N, C-alpha and C. Protein backbone atom coordinates (compact mmCIF):
# COMPACT_ATOMS: atom_id res chain seq x y z
N VAL A 1 0.13 6.52 -7.83
CA VAL A 1 0.33 6.95 -6.46
C VAL A 1 0.23 8.47 -6.40
N GLU A 2 -0.50 8.92 -5.42
CA GLU A 2 -0.60 10.36 -5.15
C GLU A 2 -0.37 10.55 -3.66
N TRP A 3 0.66 11.29 -3.31
CA TRP A 3 0.97 11.54 -1.91
C TRP A 3 -0.01 12.56 -1.36
N ILE A 4 -0.50 12.32 -0.15
CA ILE A 4 -1.50 13.21 0.45
C ILE A 4 -1.00 13.72 1.79
N GLU A 5 -1.53 14.84 2.20
CA GLU A 5 -1.20 15.43 3.50
C GLU A 5 -2.31 15.22 4.51
N ARG A 6 -3.50 14.90 4.03
CA ARG A 6 -4.65 14.66 4.91
C ARG A 6 -5.51 13.56 4.30
N VAL A 7 -6.32 12.92 5.12
CA VAL A 7 -7.18 11.84 4.64
C VAL A 7 -8.23 12.43 3.70
N ASP A 8 -8.25 11.94 2.48
CA ASP A 8 -9.17 12.42 1.46
C ASP A 8 -9.39 11.30 0.46
N PHE A 9 -10.61 10.78 0.39
CA PHE A 9 -10.92 9.67 -0.50
C PHE A 9 -11.49 10.11 -1.83
N SER A 10 -11.50 11.41 -2.10
CA SER A 10 -12.04 11.87 -3.38
C SER A 10 -11.05 11.54 -4.51
N VAL A 11 -11.58 11.45 -5.72
CA VAL A 11 -10.78 11.15 -6.90
C VAL A 11 -10.83 12.34 -7.84
N ASP A 12 -9.69 12.85 -8.24
CA ASP A 12 -9.60 13.98 -9.15
C ASP A 12 -9.84 13.50 -10.58
N PRO A 13 -10.95 13.89 -11.21
CA PRO A 13 -11.22 13.46 -12.58
C PRO A 13 -10.13 13.90 -13.57
N GLY A 14 -9.37 14.93 -13.23
CA GLY A 14 -8.30 15.41 -14.09
C GLY A 14 -7.14 14.43 -14.22
N ARG A 15 -7.12 13.42 -13.40
CA ARG A 15 -6.05 12.41 -13.48
C ARG A 15 -6.36 11.31 -14.48
N ALA A 16 -7.52 11.37 -15.12
CA ALA A 16 -7.93 10.32 -16.05
C ALA A 16 -6.92 10.13 -17.18
N ARG A 17 -6.37 11.21 -17.70
CA ARG A 17 -5.43 11.09 -18.83
C ARG A 17 -4.18 10.30 -18.44
N SER A 18 -3.58 10.60 -17.30
CA SER A 18 -2.37 9.86 -16.91
C SER A 18 -2.71 8.40 -16.59
N PHE A 19 -3.90 8.18 -16.03
CA PHE A 19 -4.36 6.82 -15.76
C PHE A 19 -4.51 6.07 -17.07
N ALA A 20 -5.13 6.71 -18.07
CA ALA A 20 -5.33 6.09 -19.38
C ALA A 20 -3.99 5.77 -20.04
N GLU A 21 -3.02 6.65 -19.93
CA GLU A 21 -1.70 6.40 -20.51
C GLU A 21 -1.07 5.14 -19.91
N SER A 22 -1.24 4.94 -18.63
CA SER A 22 -0.71 3.73 -17.98
C SER A 22 -1.44 2.49 -18.47
N ILE A 23 -2.75 2.58 -18.59
CA ILE A 23 -3.54 1.44 -19.05
C ILE A 23 -3.15 1.05 -20.48
N ARG A 24 -2.88 2.05 -21.30
CA ARG A 24 -2.58 1.78 -22.72
C ARG A 24 -1.30 0.97 -22.91
N ARG A 25 -0.48 0.85 -21.92
CA ARG A 25 0.71 0.00 -22.04
C ARG A 25 0.32 -1.45 -22.26
N TRP A 26 -0.81 -1.88 -21.71
CA TRP A 26 -1.26 -3.25 -21.90
C TRP A 26 -2.60 -3.35 -22.62
N TRP A 27 -3.30 -2.22 -22.83
CA TRP A 27 -4.57 -2.20 -23.58
C TRP A 27 -4.57 -0.96 -24.48
N PRO A 28 -3.84 -1.04 -25.62
CA PRO A 28 -3.66 0.12 -26.49
C PRO A 28 -4.96 0.71 -27.03
N ALA A 29 -6.01 -0.08 -27.18
CA ALA A 29 -7.27 0.40 -27.78
C ALA A 29 -8.23 1.01 -26.75
N LEU A 30 -7.75 1.31 -25.57
CA LEU A 30 -8.62 1.87 -24.53
C LEU A 30 -9.35 3.12 -25.02
N ASP A 31 -10.66 3.17 -24.79
CA ASP A 31 -11.46 4.37 -25.08
C ASP A 31 -11.48 5.20 -23.80
N GLU A 32 -10.65 6.23 -23.75
CA GLU A 32 -10.49 7.05 -22.55
C GLU A 32 -11.79 7.69 -22.09
N SER A 33 -12.70 7.95 -23.00
CA SER A 33 -13.97 8.60 -22.64
C SER A 33 -14.83 7.71 -21.75
N ARG A 34 -14.52 6.43 -21.68
CA ARG A 34 -15.32 5.52 -20.85
C ARG A 34 -14.82 5.45 -19.41
N LEU A 35 -13.70 6.09 -19.13
CA LEU A 35 -13.19 6.08 -17.76
C LEU A 35 -13.97 7.06 -16.90
N GLN A 36 -14.18 6.66 -15.65
CA GLN A 36 -14.82 7.55 -14.69
C GLN A 36 -14.28 7.25 -13.30
N PRO A 37 -14.16 8.25 -12.46
CA PRO A 37 -13.66 8.01 -11.10
C PRO A 37 -14.60 7.07 -10.35
N ALA A 38 -14.03 6.18 -9.56
CA ALA A 38 -14.85 5.26 -8.79
C ALA A 38 -14.57 5.42 -7.29
N TYR A 39 -13.39 5.03 -6.85
CA TYR A 39 -13.07 5.12 -5.43
C TYR A 39 -11.57 5.26 -5.27
N ALA A 40 -11.16 5.62 -4.09
CA ALA A 40 -9.74 5.73 -3.78
C ALA A 40 -9.49 5.09 -2.42
N GLY A 41 -8.29 4.65 -2.22
CA GLY A 41 -7.90 4.10 -0.93
C GLY A 41 -6.60 4.74 -0.49
N ILE A 42 -6.23 4.49 0.74
CA ILE A 42 -5.00 5.04 1.28
C ILE A 42 -4.09 3.87 1.64
N ARG A 43 -2.88 3.89 1.07
CA ARG A 43 -1.91 2.83 1.33
C ARG A 43 -0.89 3.34 2.34
N PRO A 44 -0.58 2.54 3.33
CA PRO A 44 0.41 2.97 4.32
C PRO A 44 1.81 2.95 3.71
N LYS A 45 2.60 3.93 4.04
CA LYS A 45 3.99 4.01 3.59
C LYS A 45 4.88 4.36 4.78
N LEU A 46 6.07 3.81 4.81
CA LEU A 46 7.01 4.11 5.89
C LEU A 46 7.85 5.34 5.59
N ALA A 47 7.97 5.69 4.31
CA ALA A 47 8.77 6.85 3.91
C ALA A 47 7.98 7.65 2.88
N GLY A 48 8.18 8.96 2.88
CA GLY A 48 7.51 9.84 1.93
C GLY A 48 8.13 9.77 0.55
N PRO A 49 7.66 10.62 -0.36
CA PRO A 49 8.13 10.56 -1.74
C PRO A 49 9.63 10.81 -1.90
N ASP A 50 10.25 11.50 -0.97
CA ASP A 50 11.69 11.76 -1.04
C ASP A 50 12.47 10.99 0.01
N GLY A 51 11.81 10.03 0.65
CA GLY A 51 12.42 9.33 1.77
C GLY A 51 13.18 8.07 1.43
N GLY A 52 13.36 7.77 0.16
CA GLY A 52 14.07 6.55 -0.21
C GLY A 52 13.17 5.33 -0.08
N PHE A 53 13.74 4.17 -0.32
CA PHE A 53 12.98 2.93 -0.30
C PHE A 53 12.84 2.42 1.12
N ALA A 54 11.63 2.16 1.53
CA ALA A 54 11.33 1.54 2.82
C ALA A 54 10.12 0.66 2.60
N ASP A 55 10.34 -0.62 2.46
CA ASP A 55 9.28 -1.54 2.08
C ASP A 55 8.26 -1.73 3.21
N PHE A 56 8.64 -2.42 4.26
CA PHE A 56 7.74 -2.61 5.40
C PHE A 56 8.57 -2.96 6.63
N ARG A 57 7.89 -3.01 7.78
CA ARG A 57 8.57 -3.33 9.02
C ARG A 57 7.66 -4.20 9.87
N ILE A 58 8.24 -5.20 10.48
CA ILE A 58 7.53 -6.05 11.43
C ILE A 58 8.17 -5.80 12.79
N ALA A 59 7.37 -5.32 13.73
CA ALA A 59 7.90 -4.96 15.05
C ALA A 59 7.21 -5.78 16.14
N GLY A 60 7.98 -6.65 16.76
CA GLY A 60 7.45 -7.47 17.84
C GLY A 60 7.94 -7.00 19.20
N GLU A 61 7.79 -7.88 20.17
CA GLU A 61 8.12 -7.54 21.56
C GLU A 61 9.56 -7.05 21.72
N ARG A 62 10.50 -7.63 20.98
CA ARG A 62 11.91 -7.20 21.11
C ARG A 62 12.06 -5.72 20.77
N ARG A 63 11.22 -5.20 19.90
CA ARG A 63 11.34 -3.81 19.49
C ARG A 63 10.57 -2.86 20.41
N HIS A 64 9.34 -3.25 20.83
CA HIS A 64 8.51 -2.32 21.60
C HIS A 64 8.23 -2.75 23.03
N GLY A 65 8.58 -3.99 23.38
CA GLY A 65 8.46 -4.43 24.76
C GLY A 65 7.10 -4.90 25.23
N VAL A 66 6.13 -5.05 24.34
CA VAL A 66 4.80 -5.49 24.74
C VAL A 66 4.61 -6.94 24.32
N ALA A 67 4.50 -7.83 25.29
CA ALA A 67 4.36 -9.26 25.00
C ALA A 67 3.06 -9.53 24.24
N GLY A 68 3.16 -10.41 23.23
CA GLY A 68 1.99 -10.83 22.48
C GLY A 68 1.51 -9.84 21.42
N LEU A 69 2.28 -8.77 21.17
CA LEU A 69 1.88 -7.76 20.19
C LEU A 69 2.91 -7.70 19.07
N VAL A 70 2.43 -7.85 17.84
CA VAL A 70 3.29 -7.73 16.66
C VAL A 70 2.65 -6.70 15.74
N HIS A 71 3.38 -5.62 15.46
CA HIS A 71 2.90 -4.58 14.54
C HIS A 71 3.41 -4.89 13.14
N LEU A 72 2.56 -4.70 12.13
CA LEU A 72 2.95 -4.85 10.73
C LEU A 72 2.76 -3.49 10.07
N PHE A 73 3.85 -2.81 9.77
CA PHE A 73 3.80 -1.45 9.23
C PHE A 73 4.12 -1.44 7.74
N GLY A 74 3.33 -0.71 6.97
CA GLY A 74 3.63 -0.44 5.58
C GLY A 74 3.43 -1.60 4.63
N ILE A 75 2.72 -2.62 5.02
CA ILE A 75 2.52 -3.78 4.14
C ILE A 75 1.20 -3.59 3.39
N GLU A 76 1.30 -3.49 2.08
CA GLU A 76 0.11 -3.30 1.27
C GLU A 76 -0.53 -4.64 0.96
N SER A 77 -1.83 -4.62 0.71
CA SER A 77 -2.52 -5.83 0.28
C SER A 77 -2.05 -6.17 -1.13
N PRO A 78 -1.87 -7.43 -1.46
CA PRO A 78 -2.25 -8.62 -0.70
C PRO A 78 -1.16 -9.13 0.24
N GLY A 79 -0.05 -8.41 0.35
CA GLY A 79 1.04 -8.88 1.19
C GLY A 79 0.63 -9.20 2.61
N LEU A 80 -0.18 -8.34 3.20
CA LEU A 80 -0.56 -8.52 4.59
C LEU A 80 -1.42 -9.76 4.78
N THR A 81 -2.22 -10.10 3.81
CA THR A 81 -3.16 -11.21 3.96
C THR A 81 -2.73 -12.47 3.23
N ALA A 82 -1.70 -12.40 2.37
CA ALA A 82 -1.39 -13.56 1.54
C ALA A 82 0.05 -14.04 1.62
N ALA A 83 0.91 -13.38 2.34
CA ALA A 83 2.32 -13.76 2.35
C ALA A 83 2.62 -14.76 3.46
N LEU A 84 2.94 -15.97 3.05
CA LEU A 84 3.23 -17.01 4.03
C LEU A 84 4.50 -16.70 4.81
N ALA A 85 5.47 -16.04 4.20
CA ALA A 85 6.70 -15.69 4.91
C ALA A 85 6.41 -14.70 6.04
N ILE A 86 5.50 -13.77 5.80
CA ILE A 86 5.11 -12.83 6.87
C ILE A 86 4.39 -13.59 7.98
N ALA A 87 3.52 -14.50 7.62
CA ALA A 87 2.82 -15.30 8.62
C ALA A 87 3.80 -16.10 9.46
N ASP A 88 4.81 -16.69 8.82
CA ASP A 88 5.82 -17.44 9.55
C ASP A 88 6.58 -16.54 10.53
N GLU A 89 6.92 -15.34 10.08
CA GLU A 89 7.66 -14.41 10.95
C GLU A 89 6.81 -14.02 12.16
N VAL A 90 5.54 -13.69 11.92
CA VAL A 90 4.65 -13.28 13.02
C VAL A 90 4.44 -14.42 14.00
N THR A 91 4.16 -15.61 13.50
CA THR A 91 3.94 -16.73 14.42
C THR A 91 5.22 -17.07 15.17
N GLY A 92 6.37 -16.91 14.52
CA GLY A 92 7.65 -17.15 15.19
C GLY A 92 7.87 -16.16 16.32
N GLN A 93 7.53 -14.88 16.07
CA GLN A 93 7.70 -13.87 17.13
C GLN A 93 6.72 -14.11 18.28
N LEU A 94 5.53 -14.56 17.97
CA LEU A 94 4.56 -14.82 19.03
C LEU A 94 4.93 -16.06 19.85
N ALA A 95 5.63 -17.00 19.22
CA ALA A 95 6.02 -18.22 19.91
C ALA A 95 7.21 -18.00 20.84
N ASP A 96 8.00 -16.96 20.57
CA ASP A 96 9.20 -16.69 21.40
C ASP A 96 8.86 -16.35 22.82
């Protein structure tokens, strides 16, 4: 994880060493010279690096007052697309 202040999808090649150290926990024979930057993504977070733990938030009509609208904040993939409990919560809020 790298906290950012602006949208930037570039990958810093200087981070290869720390990335390799993490990989070596499960693949000790990794040849670090074969690593190369590929792509980066931006994950939504509800709190910054010093903001404590804030997993995610589901905000429906009771919170914002707009009928038929459910916001899902801070849910990283695959949670947003694969969690049946989240689907149950959203469909329950829409049914109310």
